[in-house]
Amino acid sequence: MPGIVLLGWMVLGPPEPFLAALQGLQDARAWRDVRAGLFSIWASGLDIPALHAYVHSMSEYGYDM
């Protein structure tokens, strides 16, 4: 996939941490740490095994994805 388009209802624009995460995912040196941080946020405090399994399955993809 050469790119991705994110659409959403962000009247005031995207928050800075979101933009920083998108930039970090495009950095070959930083993307693993950024991805780990996002995975942690997505699954934090949720006791839903299927969600944790799904998030973990996303870790099978490398930088090119």
PDB file of N, CA and C in Angstrom:
ATOM      1  N   MET A   1       0.838  -1.149   0.000  1.00  0.00           N
ATOM      2  CA  MET A   1       0.000   0.000   0.000  1.00  0.00           C
ATOM      3  C   MET A   1       0.899   1.232   0.000  1.00  0.00           C
ATOM      4  N   PRO A   2       0.799   2.067  -0.977  1.00  0.00           N
ATOM      5  CA  PRO A   2       1.672   3.239  -1.054  1.00  0.00           C
ATOM      6  C   PRO A   2       1.301   4.343  -0.073  1.00  0.00           C
ATOM      7  N   GLY A   3       0.091   4.328   0.478  1.00  0.00           N
ATOM      8  CA  GLY A   3      -0.292   5.384   1.393  1.00  0.00           C
ATOM      9  C   GLY A   3      -1.606   5.089   2.059  1.00  0.00           C
ATOM     10  N   ILE A   4      -1.993   5.969   2.968  1.00  0.00           N
ATOM     11  CA  ILE A   4      -3.256   5.814   3.679  1.00  0.00           C
ATOM     12  C   ILE A   4      -3.879   7.196   3.842  1.00  0.00           C
ATOM     13  N   VAL A   5      -5.186   7.237   3.807  1.00  0.00           N
ATOM     14  CA  VAL A   5      -5.919   8.485   4.013  1.00  0.00           C
ATOM     15  C   VAL A   5      -6.751   8.313   5.275  1.00  0.00           C
ATOM     16  N   LEU A   6      -6.608   9.241   6.197  1.00  0.00           N
ATOM     17  CA  LEU A   6      -7.400   9.219   7.425  1.00  0.00           C
ATOM     18  C   LEU A   6      -8.401  10.363   7.370  1.00  0.00           C
ATOM     19  N   LEU A   7      -9.663  10.029   7.554  1.00  0.00           N
ATOM     20  CA  LEU A   7     -10.713  11.040   7.544  1.00  0.00           C
ATOM     21  C   LEU A   7     -11.397  11.028   8.898  1.00  0.00           C
ATOM     22  N   GLY A   8     -11.772  12.176   9.368  1.00  0.00           N
ATOM     23  CA  GLY A   8     -12.477  12.236  10.640  1.00  0.00           C
ATOM     24  C   GLY A   8     -13.061  13.614  10.859  1.00  0.00           C
ATOM     25  N   TRP A   9     -13.860  13.715  11.887  1.00  0.00           N
ATOM     26  CA  TRP A   9     -14.507  14.960  12.231  1.00  0.00           C
ATOM     27  C   TRP A   9     -13.614  15.691  13.220  1.00  0.00           C
ATOM     28  N   MET A  10     -12.653  16.430  12.709  1.00  0.00           N
ATOM     29  CA  MET A  10     -11.716  17.164  13.544  1.00  0.00           C
ATOM     30  C   MET A  10     -11.843  18.646  13.190  1.00  0.00           C
ATOM     31  N   VAL A  11     -12.855  19.279  13.757  1.00  0.00           N
ATOM     32  CA  VAL A  11     -13.155  20.675  13.446  1.00  0.00           C
ATOM     33  C   VAL A  11     -11.952  21.571  13.734  1.00  0.00           C
ATOM     34  N   LEU A  12     -11.268  21.310  14.823  1.00  0.00           N
ATOM     35  CA  LEU A  12     -10.131  22.142  15.218  1.00  0.00           C
ATOM     36  C   LEU A  12      -8.795  21.582  14.733  1.00  0.00           C
ATOM     37  N   GLY A  13      -8.847  20.575  13.881  1.00  0.00           N
ATOM     38  CA  GLY A  13      -7.619  19.949  13.402  1.00  0.00           C
ATOM     39  C   GLY A  13      -7.195  18.807  14.309  1.00  0.00           C
ATOM     40  N   PRO A  14      -6.300  17.980  13.832  1.00  0.00           N
ATOM     41  CA  PRO A  14      -5.871  16.829  14.627  1.00  0.00           C
ATOM     42  C   PRO A  14      -5.000  17.265  15.808  1.00  0.00           C
ATOM     43  N   PRO A  15      -5.096  16.555  16.924  1.00  0.00           N
ATOM     44  CA  PRO A  15      -4.255  16.891  18.069  1.00  0.00           C
ATOM     45  C   PRO A  15      -2.781  16.615  17.770  1.00  0.00           C
ATOM     46  N   GLU A  16      -1.911  17.395  18.371  1.00  0.00           N
ATOM     47  CA  GLU A  16      -0.472  17.259  18.134  1.00  0.00           C
ATOM     48  C   GLU A  16       0.049  15.843  18.410  1.00  0.00           C
ATOM     49  N   PRO A  17      -0.374  15.161  19.489  1.00  0.00           N
ATOM     50  CA  PRO A  17       0.127  13.795  19.702  1.00  0.00           C
ATOM     51  C   PRO A  17      -0.230  12.836  18.562  1.00  0.00           C
ATOM     52  N   PHE A  18      -1.396  13.043  17.954  1.00  0.00           N
ATOM     53  CA  PHE A  18      -1.803  12.214  16.824  1.00  0.00           C
ATOM     54  C   PHE A  18      -0.878  12.446  15.631  1.00  0.00           C
ATOM     55  N   LEU A  19      -0.608  13.709  15.341  1.00  0.00           N
ATOM     56  CA  LEU A  19       0.300  14.028  14.235  1.00  0.00           C
ATOM     57  C   LEU A  19       1.705  13.493  14.508  1.00  0.00           C
ATOM     58  N   ALA A  20       2.149  13.605  15.744  1.00  0.00           N
ATOM     59  CA  ALA A  20       3.473  13.100  16.108  1.00  0.00           C
ATOM     60  C   ALA A  20       3.542  11.586  15.920  1.00  0.00           C
ATOM     61  N   ALA A  21       2.476  10.886  16.275  1.00  0.00           N
ATOM     62  CA  ALA A  21       2.452   9.432  16.093  1.00  0.00           C
ATOM     63  C   ALA A  21       2.519   9.081  14.606  1.00  0.00           C
ATOM     64  N   LEU A  22       1.776   9.797  13.779  1.00  0.00           N
ATOM     65  CA  LEU A  22       1.822   9.528  12.339  1.00  0.00           C
ATOM     66  C   LEU A  22       3.218   9.768  11.779  1.00  0.00           C
ATOM     67  N   GLN A  23       3.868  10.823  12.233  1.00  0.00           N
ATOM     68  CA  GLN A  23       5.235  11.094  11.789  1.00  0.00           C
ATOM     69  C   GLN A  23       6.188  10.012  12.286  1.00  0.00           C
ATOM     70  N   GLY A  24       6.012   9.607  13.529  1.00  0.00           N
ATOM     71  CA  GLY A  24       6.868   8.574  14.100  1.00  0.00           C
ATOM     72  C   GLY A  24       6.741   7.241  13.383  1.00  0.00           C
ATOM     73  N   LEU A  25       5.540   6.918  12.924  1.00  0.00           N
ATOM     74  CA  LEU A  25       5.340   5.665  12.193  1.00  0.00           C
ATOM     75  C   LEU A  25       6.046   5.679  10.841  1.00  0.00           C
ATOM     76  N   GLN A  26       6.393   6.857  10.360  1.00  0.00           N
ATOM     77  CA  GLN A  26       7.089   6.973   9.086  1.00  0.00           C
ATOM     78  C   GLN A  26       8.607   7.041   9.249  1.00  0.00           C
ATOM     79  N   ASP A  27       9.075   6.972  10.474  1.00  0.00           N
ATOM     80  CA  ASP A  27      10.503   7.040  10.770  1.00  0.00           C
ATOM     81  C   ASP A  27      11.027   5.626  11.007  1.00  0.00           C
ATOM     82  N   ALA A  28      11.913   5.169  10.136  1.00  0.00           N
ATOM     83  CA  ALA A  28      12.420   3.791  10.213  1.00  0.00           C
ATOM     84  C   ALA A  28      13.109   3.498  11.545  1.00  0.00           C
ATOM     85  N   ARG A  29      13.595   4.527  12.223  1.00  0.00           N
ATOM     86  CA  ARG A  29      14.274   4.311  13.506  1.00  0.00           C
ATOM     87  C   ARG A  29      13.311   4.328  14.681  1.00  0.00           C
ATOM     88  N   ALA A  30      12.161   4.960  14.537  1.00  0.00           N
ATOM     89  CA  ALA A  30      11.258   5.163  15.671  1.00  0.00           C
ATOM     90  C   ALA A  30       9.960   4.372  15.610  1.00  0.00           C
ATOM     91  N   TRP A  31       9.619   3.822  14.456  1.00  0.00           N
ATOM     92  CA  TRP A  31       8.284   3.274  14.271  1.00  0.00           C
ATOM     93  C   TRP A  31       7.922   2.174  15.252  1.00  0.00           C
ATOM     94  N   ARG A  32       8.885   1.319  15.649  1.00  0.00           N
ATOM     95  CA  ARG A  32       8.556   0.232  16.593  1.00  0.00           C
ATOM     96  C   ARG A  32       8.096   0.789  17.940  1.00  0.00           C
ATOM     97  N   ASP A  33       8.799   1.783  18.448  1.00  0.00           N
ATOM     98  CA  ASP A  33       8.431   2.377  19.733  1.00  0.00           C
ATOM     99  C   ASP A  33       7.092   3.104  19.635  1.00  0.00           C
ATOM    100  N   VAL A  34       6.874   3.799  18.538  1.00  0.00           N
ATOM    101  CA  VAL A  34       5.601   4.499  18.335  1.00  0.00           C
ATOM    102  C   VAL A  34       4.467   3.481  18.263  1.00  0.00           C
ATOM    103  N   ARG A  35       4.677   2.428  17.506  1.00  0.00           N
ATOM    104  CA  ARG A  35       3.649   1.380  17.383  1.00  0.00           C
ATOM    105  C   ARG A  35       3.349   0.759  18.737  1.00  0.00           C
ATOM    106  N   ALA A  36       4.383   0.464  19.513  1.00  0.00           N
ATOM    107  CA  ALA A  36       4.181  -0.122  20.838  1.00  0.00           C
ATOM    108  C   ALA A  36       3.370   0.815  21.729  1.00  0.00           C
ATOM    109  N   GLY A  37       3.652   2.107  21.632  1.00  0.00           N
ATOM    110  CA  GLY A  37       2.893   3.082  22.405  1.00  0.00           C
ATOM    111  C   GLY A  37       1.433   3.129  22.003  1.00  0.00           C
ATOM    112  N   LEU A  38       1.179   3.096  20.704  1.00  0.00           N
ATOM    113  CA  LEU A  38      -0.204   3.088  20.226  1.00  0.00           C
ATOM    114  C   LEU A  38      -0.925   1.824  20.667  1.00  0.00           C
ATOM    115  N   PHE A  39      -0.274   0.685  20.543  1.00  0.00           N
ATOM    116  CA  PHE A  39      -0.892  -0.572  20.964  1.00  0.00           C
ATOM    117  C   PHE A  39      -1.240  -0.522  22.448  1.00  0.00           C
ATOM    118  N   SER A  40      -0.365   0.047  23.238  1.00  0.00           N
ATOM    119  CA  SER A  40      -0.602   0.151  24.673  1.00  0.00           C
ATOM    120  C   SER A  40      -1.816   1.027  24.966  1.00  0.00           C
ATOM    121  N   ILE A  41      -1.922   2.135  24.261  1.00  0.00           N
ATOM    122  CA  ILE A  41      -3.066   3.035  24.447  1.00  0.00           C
ATOM    123  C   ILE A  41      -4.369   2.337  24.055  1.00  0.00           C
ATOM    124  N   TRP A  42      -4.348   1.657  22.913  1.00  0.00           N
ATOM    125  CA  TRP A  42      -5.565   1.026  22.407  1.00  0.00           C
ATOM    126  C   TRP A  42      -6.088  -0.058  23.337  1.00  0.00           C
ATOM    127  N   ALA A  43      -5.200  -0.791  23.997  1.00  0.00           N
ATOM    128  CA  ALA A  43      -5.617  -1.939  24.794  1.00  0.00           C
ATOM    129  C   ALA A  43      -5.597  -1.666  26.300  1.00  0.00           C
ATOM    130  N   SER A  44      -5.154  -0.512  26.708  1.00  0.00           N
ATOM    131  CA  SER A  44      -5.000  -0.203  28.125  1.00  0.00           C
ATOM    132  C   SER A  44      -6.332  -0.245  28.866  1.00  0.00           C
ATOM    133  N   GLY A  45      -6.340  -0.986  29.959  1.00  0.00           N
ATOM    134  CA  GLY A  45      -7.507  -1.040  30.826  1.00  0.00           C
ATOM    135  C   GLY A  45      -8.665  -1.854  30.298  1.00  0.00           C
ATOM    136  N   LEU A  46      -8.480  -2.525  29.203  1.00  0.00           N
ATOM    137  CA  LEU A  46      -9.562  -3.325  28.622  1.00  0.00           C
ATOM    138  C   LEU A  46      -9.273  -4.810  28.816  1.00  0.00           C
ATOM    139  N   ASP A  47     -10.222  -5.493  29.383  1.00  0.00           N
ATOM    140  CA  ASP A  47     -10.075  -6.933  29.593  1.00  0.00           C
ATOM    141  C   ASP A  47     -10.890  -7.674  28.525  1.00  0.00           C
ATOM    142  N   ILE A  48     -10.446  -7.513  27.288  1.00  0.00           N
ATOM    143  CA  ILE A  48     -11.133  -8.127  26.151  1.00  0.00           C
ATOM    144  C   ILE A  48     -10.090  -8.944  25.391  1.00  0.00           C
ATOM    145  N   PRO A  49     -10.007 -10.243  25.685  1.00  0.00           N
ATOM    146  CA  PRO A  49      -8.969 -11.072  25.056  1.00  0.00           C
ATOM    147  C   PRO A  49      -8.928 -10.978  23.536  1.00  0.00           C
ATOM    148  N   ALA A  50     -10.087 -10.911  22.906  1.00  0.00           N
ATOM    149  CA  ALA A  50     -10.107 -10.840  21.439  1.00  0.00           C
ATOM    150  C   ALA A  50      -9.451  -9.550  20.950  1.00  0.00           C
ATOM    151  N   LEU A  51      -9.649  -8.447  21.670  1.00  0.00           N
ATOM    152  CA  LEU A  51      -9.021  -7.193  21.295  1.00  0.00           C
ATOM    153  C   LEU A  51      -7.512  -7.291  21.445  1.00  0.00           C
ATOM    154  N   HIS A  52      -7.060  -7.850  22.558  1.00  0.00           N
ATOM    155  CA  HIS A  52      -5.617  -7.995  22.775  1.00  0.00           C
ATOM    156  C   HIS A  52      -4.991  -8.887  21.706  1.00  0.00           C
ATOM    157  N   ALA A  53      -5.704  -9.952  21.330  1.00  0.00           N
ATOM    158  CA  ALA A  53      -5.199 -10.852  20.285  1.00  0.00           C
ATOM    159  C   ALA A  53      -5.128 -10.120  18.946  1.00  0.00           C
ATOM    160  N   TYR A  54      -6.125  -9.303  18.655  1.00  0.00           N
ATOM    161  CA  TYR A  54      -6.131  -8.562  17.395  1.00  0.00           C
ATOM    162  C   TYR A  54      -4.992  -7.551  17.345  1.00  0.00           C
ATOM    163  N   VAL A  55      -4.828  -6.796  18.434  1.00  0.00           N
ATOM    164  CA  VAL A  55      -3.746  -5.819  18.487  1.00  0.00           C
ATOM    165  C   VAL A  55      -2.401  -6.523  18.354  1.00  0.00           C
ATOM    166  N   HIS A  56      -2.250  -7.656  19.032  1.00  0.00           N
ATOM    167  CA  HIS A  56      -0.996  -8.407  18.923  1.00  0.00           C
ATOM    168  C   HIS A  56      -0.765  -8.880  17.484  1.00  0.00           C
ATOM    169  N   SER A  57      -1.824  -9.300  16.794  1.00  0.00           N
ATOM    170  CA  SER A  57      -1.659  -9.776  15.410  1.00  0.00           C
ATOM    171  C   SER A  57      -1.136  -8.671  14.500  1.00  0.00           C
ATOM    172  N   MET A  58      -1.453  -7.409  14.835  1.00  0.00           N
ATOM    173  CA  MET A  58      -0.957  -6.306  14.021  1.00  0.00           C
ATOM    174  C   MET A  58       0.559  -6.153  14.146  1.00  0.00           C
ATOM    175  N   SER A  59       1.133  -6.673  15.220  1.00  0.00           N
ATOM    176  CA  SER A  59       2.582  -6.563  15.411  1.00  0.00           C
ATOM    177  C   SER A  59       3.361  -7.477  14.474  1.00  0.00           C
ATOM    178  N   GLU A  60       2.665  -8.340  13.757  1.00  0.00           N
ATOM    179  CA  GLU A  60       3.320  -9.234  12.804  1.00  0.00           C
ATOM    180  C   GLU A  60       3.736  -8.505  11.520  1.00  0.00           C
ATOM    181  N   TYR A  61       3.215  -7.302  11.342  1.00  0.00           N
ATOM    182  CA  TYR A  61       3.541  -6.523  10.159  1.00  0.00           C
ATOM    183  C   TYR A  61       4.758  -5.651  10.429  1.00  0.00           C
ATOM    184  N   GLY A  62       5.572  -5.437   9.427  1.00  0.00           N
ATOM    185  CA  GLY A  62       6.780  -4.649   9.583  1.00  0.00           C
ATOM    186  C   GLY A  62       6.614  -3.197   9.187  1.00  0.00           C
ATOM    187  N   TYR A  63       7.721  -2.511   9.139  1.00  0.00           N
ATOM    188  CA  TYR A  63       7.759  -1.081   8.847  1.00  0.00           C
ATOM    189  C   TYR A  63       7.092  -0.735   7.519  1.00  0.00           C
ATOM    190  N   ASP A  64       7.229  -1.596   6.525  1.00  0.00           N
ATOM    191  CA  ASP A  64       6.687  -1.297   5.198  1.00  0.00           C
ATOM    192  C   ASP A  64       5.157  -1.219   5.192  1.00  0.00           C
ATOM    193  N   MET A  65       4.535  -1.759   6.206  1.00  0.00           N
ATOM    194  CA  MET A  65       3.069  -1.691   6.279  1.00  0.00           C
ATOM    195  C   MET A  65       2.646  -0.500   7.094  1.00  0.00           C
TER     196      MET A  65
END
